[in-house]
Every structure is written in C-alpha cells, then in structure tokens.
C-alpha cells in the first residue's frame, strides 16, 4: 500500500469513528429527551390525579357537613311539647301542597286522600316519638271511643261524617282538605303551640 493510500485509509477510519460517535451521542440525546418528556407527562398526570382527588375530598366533606346540618335541623322531637309542635308543622304544609295538587290536575277526591294521608301519618309518627307509652295508650283509647279506631278517624269515616250532615261527596272531600291542617286548640295550648284553628 502506498503512503498516500495509507493516509487516506487512516483519514477514512477517523471520519467513520467520528460519525459513529456522533450517532451514539445523538441516540443518547434522543433517549434523554424521551425520558424527560415521559417524566413530564407522568408528573402532569400525577398532579391532575392529585388535584381531582383533593376536589373529590372537598366535595365529599361538604356533602357530609350539609347532611350533618340537615340532620341537626331535623332532630327527632322528644318532649311532648316538641312532638306537638312537630305535628302541627307537618299538617301546616297541607294548604300549600293542595295548591300544587290543583295545578297538577288531581281530582278533589285524590286531593282529599293526600291531605288525609299527611295528617294521619303525622299522627302515627308523633305517637311513635312519645316516650311515655301510657300516654300513647290513653290517646288511642280516646280515639277508639271517639272514632272507633285507635289511630284516629279513617278516610271513609270522615267522608261518611260529612255526607251524614247533608254534604255531597265532593263537599265532604273539600271539607277534609280544609280541615286537615286544623288541630286541637286545647292540646296546642297545653303544650305551648301557637296555631290557629280547632279540630280533632
């Protein structure tokens, strides 16, 4: 091999080594960039997940707090005065609810039945709240003597009572709706409940 050819060969080898070195460097650089990008994406995902988790916790905490507040507001009455007030509060909603029933197109009989149900269920629930079961027994005895039913008058009893006084069935239904929110004035006075109207 001539001196010139040998020099050319050495030069070529040098150039090839430079090329290979630069390729390795480029590949390493590309890998580093990919790892950085991947790391950034993972970090972003983690931050989003953490943010979403914190928001979910905040919403859950707020919901629990609201529930506790609502529960406190709806604290079960225990004394007879509290129970009597609760009972009056339940039936006092009937006039407003009746306006909605009229708007919904319910018949007078359907409205009377709904009004009766609210009053009757409130009566039953109030007695369940009472601590002194002897007092409950006394009230049931009174209702049995007055209405023939320990849980108060039935819907049919009230309709028959109305028609026996000369009212038509429709008028009897109207009478049930109109009187459903009126409670016994003597009992209200006894327990310090202020409510207009007198009834059972």
Protein backbone atom coordinates (compact mmCIF):
# COMPACT_ATOMS: atom_id res chain seq x y z
CA UNK A 1 0.00 0.00 0.00
CA UNK A 2 1.36 3.40 -0.94
CA UNK A 3 1.86 6.13 1.65
CA UNK A 4 -0.99 8.13 0.12
CA UNK A 5 -3.37 5.20 0.29
CA UNK A 6 -2.41 4.54 3.88
CA UNK A 7 -3.08 8.17 4.82
CA UNK A 8 -6.43 8.01 3.05
CA UNK A 9 -7.35 4.86 4.92
CA UNK A 10 -6.44 6.42 8.28
CA UNK A 11 -8.45 9.51 7.46
CA UNK A 12 -11.43 7.43 6.43
CA UNK A 13 -11.29 5.46 9.68
CA UNK A 14 -11.15 8.69 11.65
CA UNK A 15 -14.18 10.11 9.85
CA UNK A 16 -16.12 6.89 10.41
CA UNK A 17 -15.27 6.90 14.11
CA UNK A 18 -16.46 10.49 14.38
CA UNK A 19 -19.71 9.60 12.64
CA UNK A 20 -20.31 6.61 14.85
CA UNK A 21 -19.52 8.61 17.98
CA UNK A 22 -21.88 11.37 16.92
CA UNK A 23 -24.65 8.83 16.21
CA UNK A 24 -24.27 7.27 19.65
CA UNK A 25 -24.36 10.74 21.20
CA UNK A 26 -27.44 11.63 19.15
CA UNK A 27 -29.23 8.44 20.22
CA UNK A 28 -28.39 9.10 23.85
CA UNK A 29 -29.63 12.64 23.50
CA UNK A 30 -32.88 11.45 21.94
CA UNK A 31 -33.36 8.88 24.74
CA UNK A 32 -32.74 11.55 27.33
CA UNK A 33 -35.32 13.83 25.71
CA UNK A 34 -37.86 10.99 25.59
CA UNK A 35 -37.30 10.20 29.27
CA UNK A 36 -37.68 13.88 30.16
CA UNK A 37 -40.90 14.18 28.16
CA UNK A 38 -42.24 10.94 29.64
CA UNK A 39 -41.32 12.16 33.09
CA UNK A 40 -43.10 15.45 32.49
CA UNK A 41 -46.22 13.66 31.26
CA UNK A 42 -46.20 11.35 34.27
CA UNK A 43 -45.75 14.33 36.58
CA UNK A 44 -48.61 16.14 34.89
CA UNK A 45 -50.84 13.08 35.21
CA UNK A 46 -49.94 12.70 38.86
CA UNK A 47 -50.70 16.36 39.53
CA UNK A 48 -54.06 16.08 37.75
CA UNK A 49 -54.94 12.96 39.74
CA UNK A 50 -53.95 14.64 42.99
CA UNK A 51 -55.96 17.73 42.10
CA UNK A 52 -59.01 15.64 41.21
CA UNK A 53 -58.65 13.65 44.44
CA UNK A 54 -58.48 16.81 46.52
CA UNK A 55 -61.57 18.21 44.80
CA UNK A 56 -63.43 14.96 45.37
CA UNK A 57 -62.48 15.01 49.04
CA UNK A 58 -63.63 18.62 49.34
CA UNK A 59 -66.99 17.82 47.71
CA UNK A 60 -67.47 14.77 49.91
CA UNK A 61 -66.61 16.74 53.04
CA UNK A 62 -69.05 19.49 52.08
CA UNK A 63 -71.80 16.94 51.43
CA UNK A 64 -71.23 15.27 54.80
CA UNK A 65 -71.25 18.65 56.53
CA UNK A 66 -74.52 19.62 54.85
CA UNK A 67 -76.01 16.27 55.84
CA UNK A 68 -74.98 16.80 59.44
CA UNK A 69 -76.56 20.26 59.37
CA UNK A 70 -79.76 18.85 57.87
CA UNK A 71 -79.80 16.08 60.46
CA UNK A 72 -79.42 18.63 63.22
CA UNK A 73 -82.29 20.65 61.77
CA UNK A 74 -84.43 17.52 61.60
CA UNK A 75 -83.58 16.44 65.12
CA UNK A 76 -86.15 13.99 66.37
CA UNK A 77 -88.54 15.67 68.86
CA UNK A 78 -88.54 14.07 72.29
CA UNK A 79 -90.65 16.12 74.69
CA UNK A 80 -94.41 16.27 74.30
CA UNK A 81 -94.18 19.99 73.52
CA UNK A 82 -91.63 19.35 70.74
CA UNK A 83 -93.71 16.49 69.37
CA UNK A 84 -96.87 18.59 69.35
CA UNK A 85 -95.04 21.36 67.52
CA UNK A 86 -93.65 18.86 65.02
CA UNK A 87 -97.16 17.51 64.40
CA UNK A 88 -98.52 20.97 63.74
CA UNK A 89 -95.60 21.77 61.44
CA UNK A 90 -96.36 18.71 59.33
CA UNK A 91 -100.05 19.42 58.81
CA UNK A 92 -99.47 23.14 58.28
CA UNK A 93 -97.94 22.32 54.88
CA UNK A 94 -101.20 20.90 53.52
CA UNK A 95 -102.75 24.13 52.14
CA UNK A 96 -99.67 24.91 50.03
CA UNK A 97 -99.41 21.32 48.86
CA UNK A 98 -103.07 21.38 47.89
CA UNK A 99 -102.37 24.30 45.56
CA UNK A 100 -99.81 22.13 43.78
CA UNK A 101 -102.26 19.23 43.56
CA UNK A 102 -104.83 21.52 41.97
CA UNK A 103 -102.21 22.71 39.44
CA UNK A 104 -101.35 19.08 38.70
CA UNK A 105 -104.99 18.38 37.86
CA UNK A 106 -105.79 15.99 40.72
CA UNK A 107 -109.45 15.37 41.46
CA UNK A 108 -110.96 16.65 44.68
CA UNK A 109 -111.14 13.09 45.97
CA UNK A 110 -107.44 12.50 45.26
CA UNK A 111 -106.53 15.76 46.97
CA UNK A 112 -108.65 14.86 49.99
CA UNK A 113 -106.95 11.48 50.22
CA UNK A 114 -103.49 13.05 50.08
CA UNK A 115 -104.39 15.63 52.72
CA UNK A 116 -105.79 12.89 54.94
CA UNK A 117 -102.67 10.75 54.49
CA UNK A 118 -100.37 13.57 55.59
CA UNK A 119 -102.48 14.22 58.69
CA UNK A 120 -102.86 10.54 59.55
CA UNK A 121 -99.18 9.67 59.10
CA UNK A 122 -98.19 12.67 61.19
CA UNK A 123 -100.49 11.44 63.97
CA UNK A 124 -98.96 7.95 63.91
CA UNK A 125 -95.39 9.25 63.77
CA UNK A 126 -95.97 11.71 66.60
CA UNK A 127 -97.16 8.89 68.84
CA UNK A 128 -94.09 6.85 67.96
CA UNK A 129 -91.95 9.78 69.11
CA UNK A 130 -93.65 9.89 72.51
CA UNK A 131 -91.53 8.49 75.36
CA UNK A 132 -94.40 7.73 77.72
CA UNK A 133 -96.27 4.78 76.23
CA UNK A 134 -99.03 5.06 78.82
CA UNK A 135 -99.90 8.45 77.35
CA UNK A 136 -99.97 6.88 73.90
CA UNK A 137 -102.35 4.21 75.16
CA UNK A 138 -104.59 6.91 76.62
CA UNK A 139 -104.71 8.73 73.28
CA UNK A 140 -105.52 5.51 71.46
CA UNK A 141 -108.31 4.81 73.94
CA UNK A 142 -109.71 8.28 73.32
CA UNK A 143 -109.62 7.77 69.54
CA UNK A 144 -111.23 4.36 69.84
CA UNK A 145 -114.08 5.84 71.85
CA UNK A 146 -114.49 8.82 69.50
CA UNK A 147 -113.81 7.28 66.08
CA UNK A 148 -113.93 3.53 66.63
CA UNK A 149 -110.24 3.35 65.67
CA UNK A 150 -107.18 3.64 67.97
CA UNK A 151 -105.28 5.51 65.25
CA UNK A 152 -107.89 8.17 64.67
CA UNK A 153 -110.62 8.55 62.03
CA UNK A 154 -110.31 6.68 58.75
CA UNK A 155 -110.76 8.45 55.43
CA UNK A 156 -114.10 6.67 54.95
CA UNK A 157 -115.23 7.77 58.42
CA UNK A 158 -114.62 11.43 57.57
CA UNK A 159 -116.42 11.17 54.21
CA UNK A 160 -119.42 9.49 55.85
CA UNK A 161 -119.40 12.09 58.63
CA UNK A 162 -119.60 14.84 56.03
CA UNK A 163 -122.36 13.26 53.95
CA UNK A 164 -124.37 12.46 57.10
CA UNK A 165 -124.51 16.19 57.72
CA UNK A 166 -126.06 16.78 54.31
CA UNK A 167 -122.88 17.42 52.31
CA UNK A 168 -122.39 15.95 48.88
CA UNK A 169 -119.38 13.65 48.46
CA UNK A 170 -117.47 16.42 46.71
CA UNK A 171 -118.28 18.82 49.53
CA UNK A 172 -117.19 16.18 52.05
CA UNK A 173 -113.85 15.86 50.24
CA UNK A 174 -113.44 19.63 50.26
CA UNK A 175 -114.19 19.62 53.98
CA UNK A 176 -111.45 17.04 54.60
CA UNK A 177 -108.95 19.17 52.69
CA UNK A 178 -109.97 22.31 54.52
CA UNK A 179 -109.80 20.80 57.99
CA UNK A 180 -106.68 18.65 57.52
CA UNK A 181 -104.36 21.37 58.83
CA UNK A 182 -106.55 22.34 61.79
CA UNK A 183 -105.52 20.74 65.08
CA UNK A 184 -106.96 20.60 68.59
CA UNK A 185 -106.67 24.03 70.17
CA UNK A 186 -106.77 22.67 73.73
CA UNK A 187 -103.80 20.38 73.14
CA UNK A 188 -101.90 23.15 71.36
CA UNK A 189 -102.47 25.48 74.30
CA UNK A 190 -101.45 22.81 76.78
CA UNK A 191 -98.09 22.33 75.08
CA UNK A 192 -97.47 25.93 74.13
CA UNK A 193 -98.08 25.54 70.41
CA UNK A 194 -99.49 28.61 68.70
CA UNK A 195 -101.68 27.62 65.77
CA UNK A 196 -104.99 28.92 64.54
CA UNK A 197 -107.91 26.60 64.02
CA UNK A 198 -109.59 23.93 66.09
CA UNK A 199 -110.39 20.37 65.24
CA UNK A 200 -109.74 16.82 66.39
